[in-house]
Amino acid sequence: MTKRALISVSDKTGIEAFAKELLAQDIEIISTGGTKKALDDAGLATISIDEVTGFPEMMDGRVKTLHPKIHGGLLGRRDLESHMQAMSEHDIQPIDFVVVNLYPFKETILKDGVTEEEAIENIDIGGPSMLRSAAKNHAAVTVIVDPADYTVVLEELKAEGETTLSTRKRLAAKVFRHTAAYDALIANYLTELVDEQEPEKLTLTYDLKQPLRYGENSHQEASFYADALPKSYSIASAKQLHGKELSYNNIRDADAAIRIAREYTEPTVVALKHMNPCGIGTAETIADAYDYAYEADPVSIFGGIVVLNRPVDAATAEKMHKIFLEIIIAPAFDQAASDILTKKKNIRLMTLDFVDLVTDQSETASVLGGLLVQSQDTIVEQSADWQVVTKRQPTETEAAALEFAWRAVKHVKSNAILLATDHQTVGVGAGQMNRVGSVKIAVEQAEAAGKIEDAVLASDAFFPMGDSVEYAAKHGIKAIVQPGGSIKDQESIDMADQYGIAMVFTNVRHFRH
């Protein structure tokens, strides 16, 4: 019996050449719609769907392949006499190859101004149905959803006259991944449309961006997947211009760094090491901002990641070129800056769009056996809403420094303490098991650099007692910003008053685990 292939594709990449080779192997081609027209225009013989079904396409193409003569030909088991007898009785011919990719739902919903009606019309029904039928019956049917697989199918056909079972299994698995991802996009679109906050099923889908050499350590395997609906302000959307391939740890650190950078609108440079900022500087020029970030901790920045929210010029590039950096991320690099920085073979240079600083998507964290989902910590805070709880009010300069420090401390691993002026971090205490331990680290760092005199202190969560305030006061801190909310708040307030410290409560906590 002559073999048959059903071809219906929205992505027509390589389809004419593939169909030509199928015909050369004496395989008949059934086709429909735009695919049939393209093949016919190329001079390739095709059979229309309605010739097979004896039923016309209708309802603007919504009903054309949903027919027993199509799905019977796909699902009928060749190894069961009862199936073959039923096919014979109902004049159903087997379909041995299915080449289908789906209506461009993803591309449609990514368009500016897309309407709900347009999105719904681009939900494919017949395509996934044929793919799933063919993939279920992969013992006999070869199903192709990706033009990248045309080559291996043709190679096996030419060599053996048929595809191997292992290839059909692999292609079937790929089909179910493809249709699952397609359905996930539709499910998420409709879920958002009705503003369902906690759906009973969470359907997430990501596309492989790149396999990684290893994970956090060399004995761990890892891969990098990007959100199927790209976010312009994300490390997944950054473009690498130069340097080695990113590692797992590079990606984690770069993500942490760009989260911090979006906090600031003025020219800002963020230096980061091991998921914590080691230096943040703001200034009127990006070169000066880099100086502040570097001077904040010239030891820790070595081997770190630097994010700049302005294009990199030659002057700034010269400064960065003097030390070893893993990654530099910026909106752009001018030619002179690029020439300077690319002298180092391995440094990664990346560009990122700083225009659309997306803040509304949720974020996830994996745990053994599950997944945590939360909105991002992007709450908009106004210092006018803060409460001064001490007798002394912060000075104008201190108030500016408190705002700067508060934007930064939320990105330090808790327990988090950060010391800063109005334009520069000067001490960071991160990830300690008790808060006073973080205070000591931040203070010691600032003192060692001789930068504590004008520094203020920010704490990501409340002080459980007055010891942290007292330690800070004894080392020259004159202003503190913290959420408040402890049952012992008064102890901290009294300690601040005792030492003449201005203390501000924000009433917002910023744990980061």
Protein backbone atom coordinates (compact mmCIF):
# COMPACT_ATOMS: atom_id res chain seq x y z
CA MET A 1 0.00 0.00 0.00
CA THR A 2 1.26 3.47 -0.88
CA LYS A 3 2.42 5.42 2.14
CA ARG A 4 0.89 8.76 2.91
CA ALA A 5 2.06 11.91 4.65
CA LEU A 6 -0.16 14.67 5.98
CA ILE A 7 1.50 18.08 5.88
CA SER A 8 0.00 21.24 7.40
CA VAL A 9 2.47 23.79 8.71
CA SER A 10 2.42 27.45 9.71
CA ASP A 11 6.24 27.52 9.76
CA LYS A 12 7.08 26.61 6.18
CA THR A 13 10.85 26.59 6.65
CA GLY A 14 12.28 23.83 4.44
CA ILE A 15 8.90 22.29 3.74
CA GLU A 16 9.12 22.38 -0.06
CA ALA A 17 12.45 20.52 -0.13
CA PHE A 18 11.19 18.02 2.44
CA ALA A 19 7.96 17.36 0.54
CA LYS A 20 9.90 16.93 -2.71
CA GLU A 21 12.01 14.20 -1.09
CA LEU A 22 8.91 12.45 0.26
CA LEU A 23 7.43 12.36 -3.22
CA ALA A 24 10.71 10.95 -4.50
CA GLN A 25 10.22 8.11 -2.01
CA ASP A 26 6.75 7.44 -3.53
CA ILE A 27 4.97 8.87 -0.51
CA GLU A 28 1.70 10.64 -1.26
CA ILE A 29 1.10 14.02 0.35
CA ILE A 30 -2.17 15.18 1.86
CA SER A 31 -2.28 18.87 2.56
CA THR A 32 -4.54 21.76 3.35
CA GLY A 33 -4.89 25.52 3.29
CA GLY A 34 -1.80 27.65 2.89
CA THR A 35 0.52 24.67 2.98
CA LYS A 36 -1.21 23.03 0.04
CA LYS A 37 -1.07 26.26 -1.92
CA ALA A 38 2.67 26.63 -1.24
CA LEU A 39 3.36 23.06 -2.33
CA ASP A 40 1.11 23.32 -5.37
CA ASP A 41 2.81 26.57 -6.38
CA ALA A 42 6.14 24.73 -6.14
CA GLY A 43 4.84 22.15 -8.59
CA LEU A 44 4.52 19.39 -5.99
CA ALA A 45 1.52 17.04 -6.27
CA THR A 46 -0.77 17.05 -3.26
CA ILE A 47 -4.11 15.61 -2.24
CA SER A 48 -6.55 17.98 -0.53
CA ILE A 49 -8.07 17.14 2.83
CA ASP A 50 -11.62 17.21 1.47
CA GLU A 51 -10.64 14.60 -1.15
CA VAL A 52 -9.74 12.29 1.72
CA THR A 53 -12.65 13.09 4.01
CA GLY A 54 -15.33 13.68 1.40
CA PHE A 55 -16.31 16.65 3.52
CA PRO A 56 -15.60 20.31 2.79
CA GLU A 57 -13.55 22.62 4.98
CA MET A 58 -15.96 24.83 6.88
CA MET A 59 -16.36 27.47 9.58
CA ASP A 60 -13.38 29.50 8.35
CA GLY A 61 -11.17 26.42 8.50
CA ARG A 62 -12.09 25.53 12.07
CA VAL A 63 -13.37 22.16 10.87
CA LYS A 64 -11.27 20.37 8.28
CA THR A 65 -9.04 17.67 9.80
CA LEU A 66 -11.33 16.61 12.68
CA HIS A 67 -12.67 13.62 10.79
CA PRO A 68 -12.59 9.80 11.20
CA LYS A 69 -10.81 9.36 7.88
CA ILE A 70 -7.96 11.49 9.23
CA HIS A 71 -7.80 10.32 12.83
CA GLY A 72 -8.66 6.74 11.91
CA GLY A 73 -5.73 6.80 9.52
CA LEU A 74 -3.49 8.10 12.28
CA LEU A 75 -4.70 6.00 15.22
CA GLY A 76 -5.40 2.68 13.56
CA ARG A 77 -3.00 0.03 14.82
CA ARG A 78 -1.37 -1.85 11.98
CA ASP A 79 -0.70 -4.86 14.22
CA LEU A 80 -4.37 -5.40 15.17
CA GLU A 81 -6.55 -7.18 12.64
CA SER A 82 -9.69 -5.58 14.10
CA HIS A 83 -8.28 -2.10 13.51
CA MET A 84 -7.23 -2.88 9.98
CA GLN A 85 -10.60 -4.47 9.22
CA ALA A 86 -12.43 -1.37 10.52
CA MET A 87 -10.22 0.85 8.37
CA SER A 88 -11.00 -1.29 5.34
CA GLU A 89 -14.75 -1.31 6.01
CA HIS A 90 -14.85 2.48 6.28
CA ASP A 91 -12.44 3.19 3.44
CA ILE A 92 -9.81 4.68 5.76
CA GLN A 93 -6.27 4.65 4.46
CA PRO A 94 -3.36 4.70 6.92
CA ILE A 95 -1.41 7.92 7.28
CA ASP A 96 2.24 7.14 7.96
CA PHE A 97 3.76 10.59 8.36
CA VAL A 98 2.40 13.72 10.00
CA VAL A 99 4.21 17.02 9.53
CA VAL A 100 2.38 19.67 11.50
CA ASN A 101 3.24 22.80 13.43
CA LEU A 102 0.65 24.95 15.02
CA TYR A 103 -1.12 28.27 14.62
CA PRO A 104 1.18 31.02 15.90
CA PHE A 105 -0.56 31.60 19.24
CA LYS A 106 2.62 32.73 21.00
CA GLU A 107 3.55 35.15 18.22
CA THR A 108 0.00 36.50 18.20
CA ILE A 109 -0.23 37.31 21.92
CA LEU A 110 3.21 38.95 21.83
CA LYS A 111 2.02 41.51 19.27
CA ASP A 112 1.27 45.01 20.48
CA GLY A 113 -2.44 45.70 20.67
CA VAL A 114 -3.55 42.13 20.08
CA THR A 115 -7.24 41.62 20.76
CA GLU A 116 -8.81 38.76 22.65
CA GLU A 117 -10.59 37.72 19.46
CA GLU A 118 -7.29 37.50 17.55
CA ALA A 119 -5.74 35.43 20.30
CA ILE A 120 -8.66 32.99 20.42
CA GLU A 121 -8.68 32.54 16.65
CA ASN A 122 -5.03 31.53 16.84
CA ILE A 123 -5.71 28.64 19.20
CA ASP A 124 -5.08 25.58 17.06
CA ILE A 125 -7.43 22.63 17.59
CA GLY A 126 -6.97 20.35 14.61
CA GLY A 127 -3.18 20.58 14.67
CA PRO A 128 -2.66 19.39 18.26
CA SER A 129 -5.29 16.70 17.72
CA MET A 130 -3.42 15.27 14.72
CA LEU A 131 -0.09 15.54 16.48
CA ARG A 132 -1.34 13.74 19.57
CA SER A 133 -3.02 11.01 17.53
CA ALA A 134 0.11 10.43 15.48
CA ALA A 135 2.41 10.55 18.51
CA LYS A 136 0.24 8.05 20.39
CA ASN A 137 0.55 5.67 17.45
CA HIS A 138 4.29 6.20 17.00
CA ALA A 139 4.76 2.45 16.65
CA ALA A 140 3.64 3.01 13.06
CA VAL A 141 3.48 6.76 12.48
CA THR A 142 6.36 9.23 12.13
CA VAL A 143 5.35 12.63 13.48
CA ILE A 144 7.37 15.80 12.91
CA VAL A 145 6.74 19.13 14.59
CA ASP A 146 10.15 20.76 14.13
CA PRO A 147 11.80 21.50 10.76
CA ALA A 148 15.13 20.59 12.39
CA ASP A 149 14.02 16.95 12.27
CA TYR A 150 13.43 16.80 8.51
CA THR A 151 17.01 15.76 7.86
CA VAL A 152 17.13 12.70 10.12
CA VAL A 153 13.80 11.44 8.79
CA LEU A 154 14.94 11.75 5.18
CA GLU A 155 18.27 10.10 5.95
CA GLU A 156 16.54 7.08 7.48
CA LEU A 157 14.01 6.87 4.66
CA LYS A 158 16.76 6.89 2.06
CA ALA A 159 18.81 4.31 3.95
CA GLU A 160 16.12 1.89 5.15
CA GLY A 161 12.88 2.87 3.42
CA GLU A 162 11.35 3.74 6.80
CA THR A 163 12.18 5.48 10.02
CA THR A 164 13.49 3.62 13.05
CA LEU A 165 11.33 2.99 16.10
CA SER A 166 13.80 4.86 18.29
CA THR A 167 13.46 7.94 16.07
CA ARG A 168 9.67 7.70 16.09
CA LYS A 169 9.69 7.47 19.89
CA ARG A 170 11.98 10.47 20.18
CA LEU A 171 9.82 12.51 17.81
CA ALA A 172 6.64 11.48 19.66
CA ALA A 173 8.08 12.68 22.96
CA LYS A 174 9.01 15.95 21.28
CA VAL A 175 5.45 16.34 20.03
CA PHE A 176 3.93 15.95 23.48
CA ARG A 177 6.39 18.49 24.88
CA HIS A 178 5.42 20.83 22.06
CA THR A 179 1.68 20.48 22.54
CA ALA A 180 2.01 20.70 26.33
CA ALA A 181 3.94 23.95 26.01
CA TYR A 182 1.41 25.27 23.49
CA ASP A 183 -1.47 24.44 25.84
CA ALA A 184 0.41 26.00 28.77
CA LEU A 185 0.63 29.31 26.92
CA ILE A 186 -3.08 29.21 26.15
CA ALA A 187 -3.95 28.25 29.72
CA ASN A 188 -1.85 31.07 31.14
CA TYR A 189 -3.29 33.61 28.71
CA LEU A 190 -6.86 32.72 29.62
CA THR A 191 -6.01 32.49 33.33
CA GLU A 192 -4.61 36.03 33.27
CA LEU A 193 -7.59 37.18 31.23
CA VAL A 194 -9.97 36.22 34.05
CA ASP A 195 -7.48 37.34 36.73
CA GLU A 196 -7.32 33.94 38.43
CA GLN A 197 -4.79 34.45 41.24
CA GLU A 198 -4.29 30.92 42.54
CA PRO A 199 -5.18 28.41 39.81
CA GLU A 200 -5.53 24.80 40.95
CA LYS A 201 -2.94 23.83 38.33
CA LEU A 202 0.20 25.81 37.58
CA THR A 203 1.31 25.47 33.96
CA LEU A 204 4.73 26.92 33.21
CA THR A 205 6.67 26.54 30.00
CA TYR A 206 10.24 27.49 29.12
CA ASP A 207 12.43 27.11 26.06
CA LEU A 208 15.98 25.79 26.22
CA LYS A 209 18.30 28.75 25.79
CA GLN A 210 21.56 26.90 26.24
CA PRO A 211 23.02 23.82 27.90
CA LEU A 212 25.59 24.78 30.52
CA ARG A 213 28.97 23.19 31.12
CA TYR A 214 27.95 22.44 34.70
CA GLY A 215 25.89 23.81 37.58
CA GLU A 216 26.94 25.45 40.82
CA ASN A 217 29.79 22.92 40.97
CA SER A 218 31.57 20.95 38.29
CA HIS A 219 29.91 17.65 39.26
CA GLN A 220 26.40 19.08 38.75
CA GLU A 221 24.60 19.11 35.40
CA ALA A 222 22.72 22.25 34.38
CA SER A 223 20.79 23.96 31.60
CA PHE A 224 19.42 27.48 31.10
CA TYR A 225 15.78 27.82 30.07
CA ALA A 226 14.14 31.10 29.10
CA ASP A 227 10.53 32.07 29.65
CA ALA A 228 8.50 31.14 26.58
CA LEU A 229 7.14 34.69 26.58
CA PRO A 230 10.37 36.72 26.64
CA LYS A 231 10.82 39.56 29.10
CA SER A 232 13.01 42.31 27.67
CA TYR A 233 14.55 43.21 31.03
CA SER A 234 15.95 39.83 32.01
CA ILE A 235 19.26 38.05 31.83
CA ALA A 236 17.60 35.62 29.41
CA SER A 237 17.08 38.51 26.96
CA ALA A 238 20.54 40.04 27.36
CA LYS A 239 22.76 39.81 24.27
CA GLN A 240 26.28 38.57 24.72
CA LEU A 241 28.75 40.48 22.56
CA HIS A 242 32.03 39.00 23.73
CA GLY A 243 33.65 36.47 26.01
CA LYS A 244 33.22 32.99 27.37
CA GLU A 245 29.91 31.22 27.66
CA LEU A 246 27.97 32.11 30.78
CA SER A 247 28.08 29.65 33.66
CA TYR A 248 25.26 28.69 36.02
CA ASN A 249 26.67 30.94 38.74
CA ASN A 250 27.23 33.78 36.25
CA ILE A 251 23.55 33.69 35.33
CA ARG A 252 22.37 33.68 38.94
CA ASP A 253 24.69 36.58 39.83
CA ALA A 254 23.80 38.56 36.72
CA ASP A 255 20.11 38.19 37.51
CA ALA A 256 20.69 39.50 41.04
CA ALA A 257 22.72 42.44 39.71
CA ILE A 258 20.14 43.61 37.17
CA ARG A 259 17.42 43.47 39.82
CA ILE A 260 19.41 45.98 41.85
CA ALA A 261 20.19 48.21 38.87
CA ARG A 262 16.52 48.77 38.09
CA GLU A 263 16.06 50.42 41.50
CA TYR A 264 17.94 53.52 40.33
CA THR A 265 17.12 55.98 37.56
CA GLU A 266 20.20 58.20 37.92
CA PRO A 267 23.50 57.02 36.40
CA THR A 268 24.26 53.96 38.53
CA VAL A 269 26.79 51.16 38.70
CA VAL A 270 26.20 47.95 40.63
CA ALA A 271 29.08 45.63 41.47
CA LEU A 272 28.01 42.21 42.68
CA LYS A 273 29.66 39.10 44.06
CA HIS A 274 27.96 35.85 45.07
CA MET A 275 24.41 37.22 44.87
CA ASN A 276 25.14 40.25 47.08
CA PRO A 277 26.08 43.79 46.07
CA CYS A 278 29.64 44.66 47.05
CA GLY A 279 29.35 48.19 45.72
CA ILE A 280 26.64 50.51 44.39
CA GLY A 281 27.39 54.03 43.22
CA THR A 282 25.34 56.82 41.69
CA ALA A 283 26.59 60.08 40.19
CA GLU A 284 25.99 62.57 37.41
CA THR A 285 28.15 60.55 35.03
CA ILE A 286 28.50 56.80 34.65
CA ALA A 287 32.29 57.06 35.00
CA ASP A 288 31.93 58.73 38.40
CA ALA A 289 29.27 56.21 39.42
CA TYR A 290 31.72 53.43 38.61
CA ASP A 291 34.35 55.08 40.79
CA TYR A 292 31.93 55.09 43.72
CA ALA A 293 30.94 51.46 43.17
CA TYR A 294 34.58 50.40 42.90
CA GLU A 295 35.71 52.39 45.94
CA ALA A 296 32.87 50.92 48.00
CA ASP A 297 34.80 47.63 48.12
CA PRO A 298 37.84 47.45 45.83
CA VAL A 299 38.70 43.99 47.13
CA SER A 300 35.38 42.20 46.61
CA ILE A 301 34.72 43.64 43.16
CA PHE A 302 37.63 41.56 41.81
CA GLY A 303 36.13 38.73 39.77
CA GLY A 304 32.65 40.19 40.14
CA ILE A 305 29.84 41.34 37.90
CA VAL A 306 29.26 44.98 37.01
CA VAL A 307 25.97 46.40 35.73
CA LEU A 308 25.78 49.96 34.41
CA ASN A 309 22.46 51.59 33.55
CA ARG A 310 24.04 53.93 31.01
CA PRO A 311 26.09 53.17 27.85
CA VAL A 312 29.74 52.46 28.53
CA ASP A 313 32.18 55.06 27.19
CA ALA A 314 35.94 54.85 26.78
CA ALA A 315 36.68 56.58 30.09
CA THR A 316 34.61 54.07 32.06
CA ALA A 317 35.95 51.16 30.03
CA GLU A 318 39.52 52.15 30.85
CA LYS A 319 38.70 52.02 34.57
CA MET A 320 37.07 48.58 34.33
CA HIS A 321 39.83 47.22 32.14
CA LYS A 322 42.31 47.61 35.00
CA ILE A 323 40.81 44.79 37.06
CA PHE A 324 39.51 41.28 36.46
CA LEU A 325 35.72 41.23 35.99
CA GLU A 326 33.59 38.26 34.98
CA ILE A 327 30.73 40.14 33.29
CA ILE A 328 29.85 43.70 32.31
CA ILE A 329 26.22 44.45 31.45
CA ALA A 330 25.08 47.79 30.04
CA PRO A 331 22.58 49.23 27.56
CA ALA A 332 25.40 49.64 25.03
CA PHE A 333 29.17 49.93 24.58
CA ASP A 334 30.53 52.60 22.29
CA GLN A 335 33.17 51.44 19.82
CA ALA A 336 36.10 52.81 21.80
CA ALA A 337 34.84 51.11 24.97
CA SER A 338 34.36 47.84 23.12
CA ASP A 339 37.87 48.02 21.68
CA ILE A 340 39.32 48.49 25.14
CA LEU A 341 37.34 45.78 26.91
CA THR A 342 37.58 43.09 24.23
CA LYS A 343 41.33 43.03 24.64
CA LYS A 344 40.55 40.55 27.38
CA LYS A 345 39.51 37.33 25.69
CA ASN A 346 37.24 35.87 28.34
CA ILE A 347 35.36 38.82 29.82
CA ARG A 348 31.66 38.65 29.01
CA LEU A 349 30.22 41.84 27.57
CA MET A 350 26.44 41.94 27.42
CA THR A 351 23.82 44.47 26.40
CA LEU A 352 20.39 44.75 27.97
CA ASP A 353 17.35 46.92 27.28
CA PHE A 354 16.90 49.21 30.29
CA VAL A 355 13.69 50.78 28.95
CA ASP A 356 11.02 48.23 29.89
CA LEU A 357 11.90 47.38 33.50
CA VAL A 358 9.24 44.69 33.90
CA THR A 359 8.20 44.33 37.53
CA ASP A 360 4.80 42.66 37.44
CA GLN A 361 5.68 39.05 36.70
CA SER A 362 5.85 36.49 39.47
CA GLU A 363 9.01 34.63 40.45
CA THR A 364 9.51 31.03 41.44
CA ALA A 365 11.85 29.08 43.69
CA SER A 366 12.20 25.32 43.65
CA VAL A 367 12.08 23.17 46.77
CA LEU A 368 12.32 19.41 47.01
CA GLY A 369 9.02 18.15 45.66
CA GLY A 370 7.51 21.52 44.92
CA LEU A 371 7.66 25.09 43.75
CA LEU A 372 7.11 28.38 45.54
CA VAL A 373 5.52 31.25 43.62
CA GLN A 374 5.40 34.87 44.71
CA SER A 375 5.12 38.35 43.27
CA GLN A 376 8.40 40.22 43.01
CA ASP A 377 9.48 42.60 45.77
CA THR A 378 8.88 45.69 43.68
CA ILE A 379 6.59 47.61 46.02
CA VAL A 380 6.71 51.34 45.36
CA GLU A 381 7.62 53.18 48.56
CA GLN A 382 7.53 56.88 49.29
CA SER A 383 9.81 58.30 51.95
CA ALA A 384 7.05 60.78 52.78
CA ASP A 385 5.16 57.83 54.24
CA TRP A 386 7.99 56.87 56.56
CA GLN A 387 7.80 57.63 60.26
CA VAL A 388 10.56 59.23 62.30
CA VAL A 389 10.27 57.51 65.69
CA THR A 390 13.13 59.21 67.55
CA LYS A 391 13.60 62.62 69.06
CA ARG A 392 16.17 63.60 66.46
CA GLN A 393 15.07 64.10 62.88
CA PRO A 394 17.43 63.05 60.06
CA THR A 395 19.21 65.88 58.29
CA GLU A 396 18.53 66.48 54.61
CA THR A 397 21.77 64.71 53.70
CA GLU A 398 20.97 61.80 56.00
CA ALA A 399 17.46 61.53 54.55
CA ALA A 400 18.89 61.19 51.04
CA ALA A 401 21.35 58.57 52.26
CA LEU A 402 18.58 56.63 54.01
CA GLU A 403 16.59 56.47 50.76
CA PHE A 404 19.64 55.30 48.82
CA ALA A 405 20.45 52.65 51.43
CA TRP A 406 16.86 51.43 51.65
CA ARG A 407 16.69 50.76 47.91
CA ALA A 408 19.91 48.77 48.15
CA VAL A 409 19.42 46.71 51.32
CA LYS A 410 16.40 44.87 49.92
CA HIS A 411 18.79 43.09 47.55
CA VAL A 412 21.18 41.86 50.23
CA LYS A 413 20.70 38.36 51.57
CA SER A 414 19.01 38.43 54.98
CA ASN A 415 19.90 39.06 57.71
CA ALA A 416 20.93 42.20 55.83
CA ILE A 417 22.59 45.38 57.03
CA LEU A 418 23.85 48.03 54.63
CA LEU A 419 25.78 51.23 55.31
CA ALA A 420 25.72 54.01 52.73
CA THR A 421 26.04 57.69 51.97
CA ASP A 422 23.65 59.41 49.58
CA HIS A 423 25.59 58.09 46.55
CA GLN A 424 27.58 55.03 47.61
CA THR A 425 27.42 51.86 49.66
CA VAL A 426 30.26 51.67 52.18
CA GLY A 427 29.56 48.48 54.12
CA VAL A 428 27.48 45.35 53.53
CA GLY A 429 26.68 42.67 56.09
CA ALA A 430 24.86 39.79 54.45
CA GLY A 431 23.37 36.44 55.33
CA GLN A 432 24.25 36.20 58.99
CA MET A 433 22.26 34.10 61.41
CA ASN A 434 21.79 37.04 63.78
CA ARG A 435 21.31 40.68 62.92
CA VAL A 436 24.02 42.12 65.13
CA GLY A 437 26.50 39.88 63.31
CA SER A 438 25.57 41.57 60.03
CA VAL A 439 25.91 44.99 61.69
CA LYS A 440 29.43 44.16 62.83
CA ILE A 441 30.50 43.02 59.36
CA ALA A 442 29.11 46.14 57.66
CA VAL A 443 30.62 48.48 60.25
CA GLU A 444 34.04 46.79 60.14
CA GLN A 445 34.09 47.06 56.36
CA ALA A 446 33.19 50.77 56.42
CA GLU A 447 35.71 51.50 59.16
CA ALA A 448 38.50 49.68 57.36
CA ALA A 449 37.85 51.84 54.30
CA GLY A 450 37.64 55.02 56.38
CA LYS A 451 34.08 55.68 55.11
CA ILE A 452 31.90 55.35 58.18
CA GLU A 453 31.84 59.03 59.21
CA ASP A 454 28.94 60.10 56.98
CA ALA A 455 27.26 56.71 56.64
CA VAL A 456 23.72 55.78 57.57
CA LEU A 457 22.48 52.27 58.29
CA ALA A 458 19.64 50.30 56.68
CA SER A 459 18.27 47.02 58.04
CA ASP A 460 16.04 44.80 55.87
CA ALA A 461 13.95 43.77 58.90
CA PHE A 462 13.31 45.03 62.39
CA PHE A 463 15.80 44.90 65.23
CA PRO A 464 14.64 42.29 67.77
CA MET A 465 16.44 44.20 70.52
CA GLY A 466 18.59 47.27 71.04
CA ASP A 467 22.05 45.64 70.72
CA SER A 468 22.43 46.34 66.98
CA VAL A 469 21.50 50.00 67.46
CA GLU A 470 23.96 50.35 70.32
CA TYR A 471 26.80 48.75 68.37
CA ALA A 472 26.12 51.02 65.38
CA ALA A 473 25.93 54.09 67.61
CA LYS A 474 29.24 53.32 69.29
CA HIS A 475 30.84 53.23 65.85
CA GLY A 476 29.56 56.58 64.69
CA ILE A 477 26.25 55.84 62.91
CA LYS A 478 23.88 58.81 63.22
CA ALA A 479 20.81 57.66 61.23
CA ILE A 480 19.03 54.34 60.75
CA VAL A 481 16.20 53.14 58.53
CA GLN A 482 14.37 49.92 59.34
CA PRO A 483 10.84 48.48 58.97
CA GLY A 484 9.89 48.46 62.63
CA GLY A 485 7.31 45.99 63.88
CA SER A 486 9.17 44.24 66.70
CA ILE A 487 7.55 43.80 70.10
CA LYS A 488 10.77 45.39 71.35
CA ASP A 489 10.71 48.40 69.02
CA GLN A 490 10.71 50.74 71.99
CA GLU A 491 13.99 49.26 73.19
CA SER A 492 15.62 50.15 69.87
CA ILE A 493 14.00 53.61 69.86
CA ASP A 494 15.21 54.32 73.39
CA MET A 495 18.71 53.18 72.47
CA ALA A 496 18.68 55.47 69.45
CA ASP A 497 17.53 58.39 71.57
CA GLN A 498 20.22 57.65 74.11
CA TYR A 499 22.90 58.06 71.44
CA GLY A 500 21.24 60.87 69.49
CA ILE A 501 20.46 58.72 66.45
CA ALA A 502 17.66 59.56 64.03
CA MET A 503 15.63 56.41 63.34
CA VAL A 504 13.03 56.00 60.61
CA PHE A 505 10.43 53.23 60.33
CA THR A 506 9.25 52.28 56.81
CA ASN A 507 6.66 49.68 57.88
CA VAL A 508 7.81 47.47 54.98
CA ARG A 509 10.11 44.46 55.41
CA HIS A 510 12.52 43.27 52.70
CA PHE A 511 13.72 39.77 53.55
CA ARG A 512 15.67 38.14 50.74
CA HIS A 513 16.48 34.48 51.22
